[in-house]
PDB file of N, CA and C in Angstrom:
ATOM      1  N   UNK A   1     193.556-203.591 -27.372  1.00  0.00           N
ATOM      2  CA  UNK A   1     192.351-202.423 -27.649  1.00  0.00           C
ATOM      3  C   UNK A   1     192.346-202.373 -29.173  1.00  0.00           C
ATOM      4  N   UNK A   2     191.014-202.025 -29.816  1.00  0.00           N
ATOM      5  CA  UNK A   2     190.959-202.003 -30.818  1.00  0.00           C
ATOM      6  C   UNK A   2     190.700-200.325 -31.308  1.00  0.00           C
ATOM      7  N   UNK A   3     191.103-200.149 -32.574  1.00  0.00           N
ATOM      8  CA  UNK A   3     191.405-198.616 -32.990  1.00  0.00           C
ATOM      9  C   UNK A   3     190.866-198.524 -34.418  1.00  0.00           C
ATOM     10  N   UNK A   4     190.224-197.449 -34.800  1.00  0.00           N
ATOM     11  CA  UNK A   4     189.624-197.595 -36.272  1.00  0.00           C
ATOM     12  C   UNK A   4     189.973-195.939 -36.493  1.00  0.00           C
ATOM     13  N   UNK A   5     190.851-196.137 -37.847  1.00  0.00           N
ATOM     14  CA  UNK A   5     190.954-194.663 -38.757  1.00  0.00           C
ATOM     15  C   UNK A   5     190.447-194.766 -39.814  1.00  0.00           C
ATOM     16  N   UNK A   6     189.617-194.233 -40.719  1.00  0.00           N
ATOM     17  CA  UNK A   6     188.622-194.681 -41.921  1.00  0.00           C
ATOM     18  C   UNK A   6     188.589-193.142 -42.681  1.00  0.00           C
ATOM     19  N   UNK A   7     188.674-193.324 -43.594  1.00  0.00           N
ATOM     20  CA  UNK A   7     188.442-192.175 -44.480  1.00  0.00           C
ATOM     21  C   UNK A   7     187.637-192.992 -45.820  1.00  0.00           C
ATOM     22  N   UNK A   8     186.301-192.198 -46.481  1.00  0.00           N
ATOM     23  CA  UNK A   8     185.795-192.429 -47.328  1.00  0.00           C
ATOM     24  C   UNK A   8     185.323-191.203 -48.314  1.00  0.00           C
ATOM     25  N   UNK A   9     185.640-191.391 -49.536  1.00  0.00           N
ATOM     26  CA  UNK A   9     185.271-190.344 -50.513  1.00  0.00           C
ATOM     27  C   UNK A   9     184.582-190.477 -51.914  1.00  0.00           C
ATOM     28  N   UNK A  10     184.394-189.306 -52.336  1.00  0.00           N
ATOM     29  CA  UNK A  10     183.161-189.975 -53.791  1.00  0.00           C
ATOM     30  C   UNK A  10     183.690-188.352 -54.225  1.00  0.00           C
ATOM     31  N   UNK A  11     183.636-188.446 -55.490  1.00  0.00           N
ATOM     32  CA  UNK A  11     184.092-187.291 -56.000  1.00  0.00           C
ATOM     33  C   UNK A  11     183.288-187.064 -57.156  1.00  0.00           C
ATOM     34  N   UNK A  12     183.005-185.530 -57.685  1.00  0.00           N
ATOM     35  CA  UNK A  12     182.322-185.829 -59.217  1.00  0.00           C
ATOM     36  C   UNK A  12     181.002-186.596 -58.821  1.00  0.00           C
ATOM     37  N   UNK A  13     180.069-186.419 -58.037  1.00  0.00           N
ATOM     38  CA  UNK A  13     178.899-187.278 -58.121  1.00  0.00           C
ATOM     39  C   UNK A  13     178.050-186.445 -58.991  1.00  0.00           C
ATOM     40  N   UNK A  14     177.277-187.076 -59.733  1.00  0.00           N
ATOM     41  CA  UNK A  14     176.179-186.558 -60.352  1.00  0.00           C
ATOM     42  C   UNK A  14     174.980-187.685 -60.568  1.00  0.00           C
ATOM     43  N   UNK A  15     173.673-186.896 -60.953  1.00  0.00           N
ATOM     44  CA  UNK A  15     172.665-187.762 -61.334  1.00  0.00           C
ATOM     45  C   UNK A  15     171.822-186.967 -62.314  1.00  0.00           C
ATOM     46  N   UNK A  16     171.403-188.176 -63.514  1.00  0.00           N
ATOM     47  CA  UNK A  16     170.627-187.593 -64.331  1.00  0.00           C
ATOM     48  C   UNK A  16     171.499-186.589 -65.178  1.00  0.00           C
ATOM     49  N   UNK A  17     173.029-186.739 -65.403  1.00  0.00           N
ATOM     50  CA  UNK A  17     173.946-185.190 -66.084  1.00  0.00           C
ATOM     51  C   UNK A  17     174.049-184.127 -65.456  1.00  0.00           C
ATOM     52  N   UNK A  18     173.510-184.080 -63.814  1.00  0.00           N
ATOM     53  CA  UNK A  18     173.784-182.868 -63.054  1.00  0.00           C
ATOM     54  C   UNK A  18     174.550-182.674 -62.064  1.00  0.00           C
ATOM     55  N   UNK A  19     175.204-182.444 -61.725  1.00  0.00           N
ATOM     56  CA  UNK A  19     176.602-182.522 -60.895  1.00  0.00           C
ATOM     57  C   UNK A  19     176.033-182.418 -59.290  1.00  0.00           C
ATOM     58  N   UNK A  20     176.256-183.071 -58.809  1.00  0.00           N
ATOM     59  CA  UNK A  20     175.790-183.407 -57.313  1.00  0.00           C
ATOM     60  C   UNK A  20     177.336-183.065 -56.456  1.00  0.00           C
ATOM     61  N   UNK A  21     178.324-182.975 -56.763  1.00  0.00           N
ATOM     62  CA  UNK A  21     179.522-182.587 -55.907  1.00  0.00           C
ATOM     63  C   UNK A  21     180.303-183.578 -55.313  1.00  0.00           C
ATOM     64  N   UNK A  22     180.876-183.585 -54.258  1.00  0.00           N
ATOM     65  CA  UNK A  22     181.784-184.402 -53.364  1.00  0.00           C
ATOM     66  C   UNK A  22     181.400-184.626 -52.038  1.00  0.00           C
ATOM     67  N   UNK A  23     181.764-185.930 -51.802  1.00  0.00           N
ATOM     68  CA  UNK A  23     181.775-186.055 -50.161  1.00  0.00           C
ATOM     69  C   UNK A  23     182.650-187.029 -49.860  1.00  0.00           C
ATOM     70  N   UNK A  24     182.604-186.373 -48.146  1.00  0.00           N
ATOM     71  CA  UNK A  24     184.385-186.845 -47.550  1.00  0.00           C
ATOM     72  C   UNK A  24     183.721-187.493 -46.115  1.00  0.00           C
ATOM     73  N   UNK A  25     184.029-188.321 -45.815  1.00  0.00           N
ATOM     74  CA  UNK A  25     184.033-188.464 -44.138  1.00  0.00           C
ATOM     75  C   UNK A  25     185.020-189.581 -43.459  1.00  0.00           C
ATOM     76  N   UNK A  26     185.213-188.908 -42.557  1.00  0.00           N
ATOM     77  CA  UNK A  26     186.648-189.408 -41.810  1.00  0.00           C
ATOM     78  C   UNK A  26     186.083-190.301 -40.306  1.00  0.00           C
ATOM     79  N   UNK A  27     186.603-190.860 -40.308  1.00  0.00           N
ATOM     80  CA  UNK A  27     186.473-191.474 -38.379  1.00  0.00           C
ATOM     81  C   UNK A  27     187.551-191.858 -37.942  1.00  0.00           C
ATOM     82  N   UNK A  28     187.399-191.761 -36.279  1.00  0.00           N
ATOM     83  CA  UNK A  28     188.727-192.129 -35.582  1.00  0.00           C
ATOM     84  C   UNK A  28     188.231-192.641 -34.451  1.00  0.00           C
ATOM     85  N   UNK A  29     188.724-193.446 -33.781  1.00  0.00           N
ATOM     86  CA  UNK A  29     188.601-194.098 -32.360  1.00  0.00           C
ATOM     87  C   UNK A  29     189.044-192.958 -31.362  1.00  0.00           C
ATOM     88  N   UNK A  30     188.718-192.344 -30.212  1.00  0.00           N
ATOM     89  CA  UNK A  30     189.614-191.730 -29.455  1.00  0.00           C
ATOM     90  C   UNK A  30     189.773-192.672 -28.232  1.00  0.00           C
ATOM     91  N   UNK A  31     190.831-192.800 -27.879  1.00  0.00           N
ATOM     92  CA  UNK A  31     190.911-193.738 -27.271  1.00  0.00           C
ATOM     93  C   UNK A  31     190.288-195.521 -27.104  1.00  0.00           C
ATOM     94  N   UNK A  32     189.450-195.762 -26.293  1.00  0.00           N
ATOM     95  CA  UNK A  32     188.625-196.698 -26.141  1.00  0.00           C
ATOM     96  C   UNK A  32     186.942-196.667 -26.257  1.00  0.00           C
ATOM     97  N   UNK A  33     186.767-195.519 -26.175  1.00  0.00           N
ATOM     98  CA  UNK A  33     185.743-195.236 -25.610  1.00  0.00           C
ATOM     99  C   UNK A  33     184.582-194.162 -26.603  1.00  0.00           C
ATOM    100  N   UNK A  34     185.254-193.903 -27.482  1.00  0.00           N
ATOM    101  CA  UNK A  34     184.757-192.967 -28.168  1.00  0.00           C
ATOM    102  C   UNK A  34     184.972-192.870 -29.286  1.00  0.00           C
ATOM    103  N   UNK A  35     184.359-192.267 -30.589  1.00  0.00           N
ATOM    104  CA  UNK A  35     184.270-192.254 -32.287  1.00  0.00           C
ATOM    105  C   UNK A  35     184.229-190.938 -32.128  1.00  0.00           C
ATOM    106  N   UNK A  36     184.989-190.046 -33.308  1.00  0.00           N
ATOM    107  CA  UNK A  36     185.339-189.134 -33.458  1.00  0.00           C
ATOM    108  C   UNK A  36     184.610-189.132 -35.125  1.00  0.00           C
ATOM    109  N   UNK A  37     183.990-188.038 -35.558  1.00  0.00           N
ATOM    110  CA  UNK A  37     183.715-187.955 -36.907  1.00  0.00           C
ATOM    111  C   UNK A  37     183.517-187.079 -37.663  1.00  0.00           C
ATOM    112  N   UNK A  38     183.724-186.889 -39.230  1.00  0.00           N
ATOM    113  CA  UNK A  38     183.903-185.550 -39.683  1.00  0.00           C
ATOM    114  C   UNK A  38     183.258-185.592 -41.222  1.00  0.00           C
ATOM    115  N   UNK A  39     182.367-185.193 -41.394  1.00  0.00           N
ATOM    116  CA  UNK A  39     181.780-184.809 -42.669  1.00  0.00           C
ATOM    117  C   UNK A  39     181.639-184.056 -43.794  1.00  0.00           C
ATOM    118  N   UNK A  40     182.226-183.952 -44.672  1.00  0.00           N
ATOM    119  CA  UNK A  40     182.597-182.716 -45.445  1.00  0.00           C
ATOM    120  C   UNK A  40     181.759-182.811 -46.894  1.00  0.00           C
ATOM    121  N   UNK A  41     180.778-181.991 -47.417  1.00  0.00           N
ATOM    122  CA  UNK A  41     180.229-182.097 -48.716  1.00  0.00           C
ATOM    123  C   UNK A  41     180.350-180.898 -49.140  1.00  0.00           C
ATOM    124  N   UNK A  42     180.246-180.897 -50.888  1.00  0.00           N
ATOM    125  CA  UNK A  42     179.913-179.331 -51.411  1.00  0.00           C
ATOM    126  C   UNK A  42     178.445-179.805 -52.490  1.00  0.00           C
ATOM    127  N   UNK A  43     177.492-180.650 -51.699  1.00  0.00           N
ATOM    128  CA  UNK A  43     176.634-181.117 -52.644  1.00  0.00           C
ATOM    129  C   UNK A  43     175.881-180.133 -53.365  1.00  0.00           C
ATOM    130  N   UNK A  44     175.547-180.080 -54.538  1.00  0.00           N
ATOM    131  CA  UNK A  44     174.974-179.227 -55.453  1.00  0.00           C
ATOM    132  C   UNK A  44     175.267-177.454 -54.805  1.00  0.00           C
ATOM    133  N   UNK A  45     176.732-177.571 -54.914  1.00  0.00           N
ATOM    134  CA  UNK A  45     177.334-176.065 -54.486  1.00  0.00           C
ATOM    135  C   UNK A  45     176.846-175.932 -53.448  1.00  0.00           C
ATOM    136  N   UNK A  46     176.681-176.362 -52.635  1.00  0.00           N
ATOM    137  CA  UNK A  46     176.267-175.920 -50.906  1.00  0.00           C
ATOM    138  C   UNK A  46     177.683-176.301 -50.289  1.00  0.00           C
ATOM    139  N   UNK A  47     177.665-175.862 -48.744  1.00  0.00           N
ATOM    140  CA  UNK A  47     178.867-176.245 -48.026  1.00  0.00           C
ATOM    141  C   UNK A  47     177.932-177.186 -46.563  1.00  0.00           C
ATOM    142  N   UNK A  48     178.520-178.257 -46.476  1.00  0.00           N
ATOM    143  CA  UNK A  48     177.864-179.179 -45.639  1.00  0.00           C
ATOM    144  C   UNK A  48     179.247-179.713 -44.581  1.00  0.00           C
ATOM    145  N   UNK A  49     179.115-179.188 -43.208  1.00  0.00           N
ATOM    146  CA  UNK A  49     180.231-179.445 -42.483  1.00  0.00           C
ATOM    147  C   UNK A  49     179.628-180.564 -41.143  1.00  0.00           C
ATOM    148  N   UNK A  50     179.897-181.367 -41.018  1.00  0.00           N
ATOM    149  CA  UNK A  50     179.216-182.054 -39.560  1.00  0.00           C
ATOM    150  C   UNK A  50     180.747-182.691 -39.174  1.00  0.00           C
ATOM    151  N   UNK A  51     180.676-181.901 -38.087  1.00  0.00           N
ATOM    152  CA  UNK A  51     181.461-183.151 -36.933  1.00  0.00           C
ATOM    153  C   UNK A  51     180.825-183.698 -35.716  1.00  0.00           C
ATOM    154  N   UNK A  52     181.258-184.900 -34.919  1.00  0.00           N
ATOM    155  CA  UNK A  52     181.046-185.034 -33.786  1.00  0.00           C
ATOM    156  C   UNK A  52     181.717-186.449 -33.236  1.00  0.00           C
ATOM    157  N   UNK A  53     181.209-186.521 -31.720  1.00  0.00           N
ATOM    158  CA  UNK A  53     181.773-187.507 -31.547  1.00  0.00           C
ATOM    159  C   UNK A  53     180.503-188.494 -30.488  1.00  0.00           C
ATOM    160  N   UNK A  54     180.498-189.616 -30.365  1.00  0.00           N
ATOM    161  CA  UNK A  54     179.343-190.458 -29.920  1.00  0.00           C
ATOM    162  C   UNK A  54     180.411-191.766 -29.050  1.00  0.00           C
ATOM    163  N   UNK A  55     179.634-191.705 -27.838  1.00  0.00           N
ATOM    164  CA  UNK A  55     180.500-192.381 -26.980  1.00  0.00           C
ATOM    165  C   UNK A  55     180.263-194.250 -27.413  1.00  0.00           C
ATOM    166  N   UNK A  56     181.212-195.362 -27.252  1.00  0.00           N
ATOM    167  CA  UNK A  56     181.088-196.335 -27.589  1.00  0.00           C
ATOM    168  C   UNK A  56     180.460-197.366 -26.558  1.00  0.00           C
ATOM    169  N   UNK A  57     180.596-197.015 -25.555  1.00  0.00           N
ATOM    170  CA  UNK A  57     179.984-197.573 -24.017  1.00  0.00           C
ATOM    171  C   UNK A  57     178.982-196.363 -23.425  1.00  0.00           C
ATOM    172  N   UNK A  58     178.556-197.190 -22.665  1.00  0.00           N
ATOM    173  CA  UNK A  58     177.362-196.842 -21.703  1.00  0.00           C
ATOM    174  C   UNK A  58     176.223-196.667 -22.753  1.00  0.00           C
ATOM    175  N   UNK A  59     175.897-194.979 -22.549  1.00  0.00           N
ATOM    176  CA  UNK A  59     174.516-194.750 -23.092  1.00  0.00           C
ATOM    177  C   UNK A  59     174.689-194.308 -24.391  1.00  0.00           C
ATOM    178  N   UNK A  60     176.001-194.331 -24.631  1.00  0.00           N
ATOM    179  CA  UNK A  60     176.257-193.706 -26.447  1.00  0.00           C
ATOM    180  C   UNK A  60     175.892-192.052 -26.594  1.00  0.00           C
ATOM    181  N   UNK A  61     176.290-191.522 -25.507  1.00  0.00           N
ATOM    182  CA  UNK A  61     175.926-190.582 -25.632  1.00  0.00           C
ATOM    183  C   UNK A  61     176.749-189.553 -27.139  1.00  0.00           C
ATOM    184  N   UNK A  62     176.177-189.093 -27.510  1.00  0.00           N
ATOM    185  CA  UNK A  62     176.563-188.227 -28.659  1.00  0.00           C
ATOM    186  C   UNK A  62     176.612-186.821 -28.748  1.00  0.00           C
ATOM    187  N   UNK A  63     177.450-185.915 -29.347  1.00  0.00           N
ATOM    188  CA  UNK A  63     177.732-184.794 -29.333  1.00  0.00           C
ATOM    189  C   UNK A  63     177.927-184.195 -30.762  1.00  0.00           C
ATOM    190  N   UNK A  64     177.090-183.632 -31.750  1.00  0.00           N
ATOM    191  CA  UNK A  64     177.697-183.026 -33.103  1.00  0.00           C
ATOM    192  C   UNK A  64     177.487-181.696 -33.188  1.00  0.00           C
ATOM    193  N   UNK A  65     178.027-181.111 -34.525  1.00  0.00           N
ATOM    194  CA  UNK A  65     177.888-180.042 -34.893  1.00  0.00           C
ATOM    195  C   UNK A  65     177.303-179.922 -36.383  1.00  0.00           C
ATOM    196  N   UNK A  66     176.662-179.251 -36.804  1.00  0.00           N
ATOM    197  CA  UNK A  66     176.539-179.304 -38.235  1.00  0.00           C
ATOM    198  C   UNK A  66     176.234-177.893 -38.533  1.00  0.00           C
ATOM    199  N   UNK A  67     177.104-177.538 -39.552  1.00  0.00           N
ATOM    200  CA  UNK A  67     176.720-176.554 -40.417  1.00  0.00           C
ATOM    201  C   UNK A  67     176.507-176.153 -42.007  1.00  0.00           C
ATOM    202  N   UNK A  68     175.392-176.066 -42.139  1.00  0.00           N
ATOM    203  CA  UNK A  68     174.927-176.318 -43.844  1.00  0.00           C
ATOM    204  C   UNK A  68     174.707-174.407 -44.297  1.00  0.00           C
ATOM    205  N   UNK A  69     175.274-174.860 -45.417  1.00  0.00           N
ATOM    206  CA  UNK A  69     175.091-173.382 -46.274  1.00  0.00           C
ATOM    207  C   UNK A  69     174.904-173.092 -47.710  1.00  0.00           C
ATOM    208  N   UNK A  70     173.827-172.933 -48.485  1.00  0.00           N
ATOM    209  CA  UNK A  70     173.290-172.903 -49.333  1.00  0.00           C
ATOM    210  C   UNK A  70     172.718-174.005 -50.318  1.00  0.00           C
ATOM    211  N   UNK A  71     172.346-174.854 -49.413  1.00  0.00           N
ATOM    212  CA  UNK A  71     171.574-176.487 -49.965  1.00  0.00           C
ATOM    213  C   UNK A  71     170.714-176.359 -50.761  1.00  0.00           C
ATOM    214  N   UNK A  72     170.477-176.403 -51.680  1.00  0.00           N
ATOM    215  CA  UNK A  72     168.923-176.184 -52.605  1.00  0.00           C
ATOM    216  C   UNK A  72     168.113-177.181 -52.579  1.00  0.00           C
ATOM    217  N   UNK A  73     167.270-176.327 -52.247  1.00  0.00           N
ATOM    218  CA  UNK A  73     166.159-177.941 -51.336  1.00  0.00           C
ATOM    219  C   UNK A  73     165.377-178.804 -52.812  1.00  0.00           C
ATOM    220  N   UNK A  74     165.356-178.255 -53.657  1.00  0.00           N
ATOM    221  CA  UNK A  74     164.665-179.093 -54.645  1.00  0.00           C
ATOM    222  C   UNK A  74     165.613-179.952 -55.256  1.00  0.00           C
ATOM    223  N   UNK A  75     167.105-179.517 -54.985  1.00  0.00           N
ATOM    224  CA  UNK A  75     167.970-180.975 -55.610  1.00  0.00           C
ATOM    225  C   UNK A  75     167.623-182.079 -54.235  1.00  0.00           C
ATOM    226  N   UNK A  76     167.837-181.715 -53.582  1.00  0.00           N
ATOM    227  CA  UNK A  76     167.998-182.397 -52.253  1.00  0.00           C
ATOM    228  C   UNK A  76     166.650-183.636 -52.221  1.00  0.00           C
ATOM    229  N   UNK A  77     165.043-182.657 -52.797  1.00  0.00           N
ATOM    230  CA  UNK A  77     164.158-183.552 -53.084  1.00  0.00           C
ATOM    231  C   UNK A  77     164.287-184.530 -54.357  1.00  0.00           C
ATOM    232  N   UNK A  78     164.657-184.175 -55.090  1.00  0.00           N
ATOM    233  CA  UNK A  78     165.043-184.804 -56.570  1.00  0.00           C
ATOM    234  C   UNK A  78     165.802-185.918 -56.390  1.00  0.00           C
ATOM    235  N   UNK A  79     166.578-186.016 -55.235  1.00  0.00           N
ATOM    236  CA  UNK A  79     167.927-187.031 -55.241  1.00  0.00           C
ATOM    237  C   UNK A  79     166.689-188.342 -54.275  1.00  0.00           C
ATOM    238  N   UNK A  80     166.068-187.505 -53.698  1.00  0.00           N
ATOM    239  CA  UNK A  80     165.079-188.339 -52.809  1.00  0.00           C
ATOM    240  C   UNK A  80     163.769-189.094 -53.397  1.00  0.00           C
ATOM    241  N   UNK A  81     163.882-188.688 -54.801  1.00  0.00           N
ATOM    242  CA  UNK A  81     163.048-189.265 -55.427  1.00  0.00           C
ATOM    243  C   UNK A  81     161.431-188.231 -55.380  1.00  0.00           C
ATOM    244  N   UNK A  82     161.488-187.192 -54.770  1.00  0.00           N
ATOM    245  CA  UNK A  82     160.295-186.409 -54.669  1.00  0.00           C
ATOM    246  C   UNK A  82     159.803-185.371 -55.348  1.00  0.00           C
ATOM    247  N   UNK A  83     159.920-185.239 -56.776  1.00  0.00           N
ATOM    248  CA  UNK A  83     159.953-184.058 -57.625  1.00  0.00           C
ATOM    249  C   UNK A  83     158.675-183.591 -57.736  1.00  0.00           C
ATOM    250  N   UNK A  84     157.771-184.385 -57.184  1.00  0.00           N
ATOM    251  CA  UNK A  84     156.641-183.888 -57.067  1.00  0.00           C
ATOM    252  C   UNK A  84     156.012-182.712 -56.089  1.00  0.00           C
ATOM    253  N   UNK A  85     157.028-182.294 -55.173  1.00  0.00           N
ATOM    254  CA  UNK A  85     156.588-181.633 -54.399  1.00  0.00           C
ATOM    255  C   UNK A  85     156.967-179.909 -55.055  1.00  0.00           C
ATOM    256  N   UNK A  86     156.497-179.451 -55.308  1.00  0.00           N
ATOM    257  CA  UNK A  86     156.999-177.760 -55.838  1.00  0.00           C
ATOM    258  C   UNK A  86     157.768-176.863 -54.885  1.00  0.00           C
ATOM    259  N   UNK A  87     158.666-177.218 -53.969  1.00  0.00           N
ATOM    260  CA  UNK A  87     159.358-176.440 -53.708  1.00  0.00           C
ATOM    261  C   UNK A  87     161.036-176.176 -53.600  1.00  0.00           C
ATOM    262  N   UNK A  88     161.041-174.899 -53.675  1.00  0.00           N
ATOM    263  CA  UNK A  88     162.113-174.117 -54.109  1.00  0.00           C
ATOM    264  C   UNK A  88     162.838-173.472 -52.928  1.00  0.00           C
ATOM    265  N   UNK A  89     164.143-173.456 -52.677  1.00  0.00           N
ATOM    266  CA  UNK A  89     164.806-171.966 -52.071  1.00  0.00           C
ATOM    267  C   UNK A  89     166.351-172.857 -51.172  1.00  0.00           C
ATOM    268  N   UNK A  90     166.614-172.468 -50.342  1.00  0.00           N
ATOM    269  CA  UNK A  90     167.803-172.892 -49.961  1.00  0.00           C
ATOM    270  C   UNK A  90     167.968-173.148 -48.566  1.00  0.00           C
ATOM    271  N   UNK A  91     168.391-173.813 -48.302  1.00  0.00           N
ATOM    272  CA  UNK A  91     168.570-174.254 -46.332  1.00  0.00           C
ATOM    273  C   UNK A  91     169.757-173.796 -45.894  1.00  0.00           C
ATOM    274  N   UNK A  92     169.707-173.005 -45.181  1.00  0.00           N
ATOM    275  CA  UNK A  92     171.085-172.616 -44.463  1.00  0.00           C
ATOM    276  C   UNK A  92     170.996-172.906 -42.949  1.00  0.00           C
ATOM    277  N   UNK A  93     171.503-173.205 -42.233  1.00  0.00           N
ATOM    278  CA  UNK A  93     171.109-173.767 -41.045  1.00  0.00           C
ATOM    279  C   UNK A  93     172.690-174.419 -39.990  1.00  0.00           C
ATOM    280  N   UNK A  94     172.545-174.016 -38.818  1.00  0.00           N
ATOM    281  CA  UNK A  94     173.884-174.239 -37.767  1.00  0.00           C
ATOM    282  C   UNK A  94     173.194-175.483 -36.650  1.00  0.00           C
ATOM    283  N   UNK A  95     173.411-176.197 -36.546  1.00  0.00           N
ATOM    284  CA  UNK A  95     172.768-176.882 -35.702  1.00  0.00           C
ATOM    285  C   UNK A  95     173.649-178.084 -34.740  1.00  0.00           C
ATOM    286  N   UNK A  96     173.335-177.633 -33.086  1.00  0.00           N
ATOM    287  CA  UNK A  96     174.078-178.320 -32.475  1.00  0.00           C
ATOM    288  C   UNK A  96     173.458-179.438 -31.520  1.00  0.00           C
ATOM    289  N   UNK A  97     173.942-180.525 -31.524  1.00  0.00           N
ATOM    290  CA  UNK A  97     172.903-181.851 -31.419  1.00  0.00           C
ATOM    291  C   UNK A  97     174.124-182.782 -29.948  1.00  0.00           C
ATOM    292  N   UNK A  98     173.178-182.827 -28.832  1.00  0.00           N
ATOM    293  CA  UNK A  98     173.618-183.548 -27.460  1.00  0.00           C
ATOM    294  C   UNK A  98     172.413-184.566 -27.133  1.00  0.00           C
ATOM    295  N   UNK A  99     173.083-185.640 -27.077  1.00  0.00           N
ATOM    296  CA  UNK A  99     172.054-186.413 -26.235  1.00  0.00           C
ATOM    297  C   UNK A  99     172.499-188.125 -26.417  1.00  0.00           C
ATOM    298  N   UNK A 100     171.452-189.065 -26.178  1.00  0.00           N
ATOM    299  CA  UNK A 100     171.555-190.266 -26.258  1.00  0.00           C
ATOM    300  C   UNK A 100     170.781-190.764 -27.723  1.00  0.00           C
ATOM    301  N   UNK A 101     170.839-191.908 -27.908  1.00  0.00           N
ATOM    302  CA  UNK A 101     169.874-192.711 -28.975  1.00  0.00           C
ATOM    303  C   UNK A 101     168.732-192.819 -28.063  1.00  0.00           C
ATOM    304  N   UNK A 102     167.373-192.716 -28.972  1.00  0.00           N
ATOM    305  CA  UNK A 102     166.027-193.561 -27.909  1.00  0.00           C
ATOM    306  C   UNK A 102     166.051-194.838 -28.295  1.00  0.00           C
TER     307      UNK A 102
END
């Protein structure tokens, strides 16, 4: 049996002199049939939390929950290279996903 336990993190990320925050992802296998993961970030002052599990066998069924609060849309667009879109505001969402990849 092969096992995975991993953590990756980036701290004090910046773009063009503006702070983008921190990012941490952890992943581990749950037995030999699933991988569990958590993503946490305070991107541009927001709060982003994602947790989920994906099966490693069969149809790779995935369930995940995302909680996003105060995510500045203009900062997302800037990172994506889309400063040409005059959009401002903040995104707040609670999302639950369940399904299989297409």
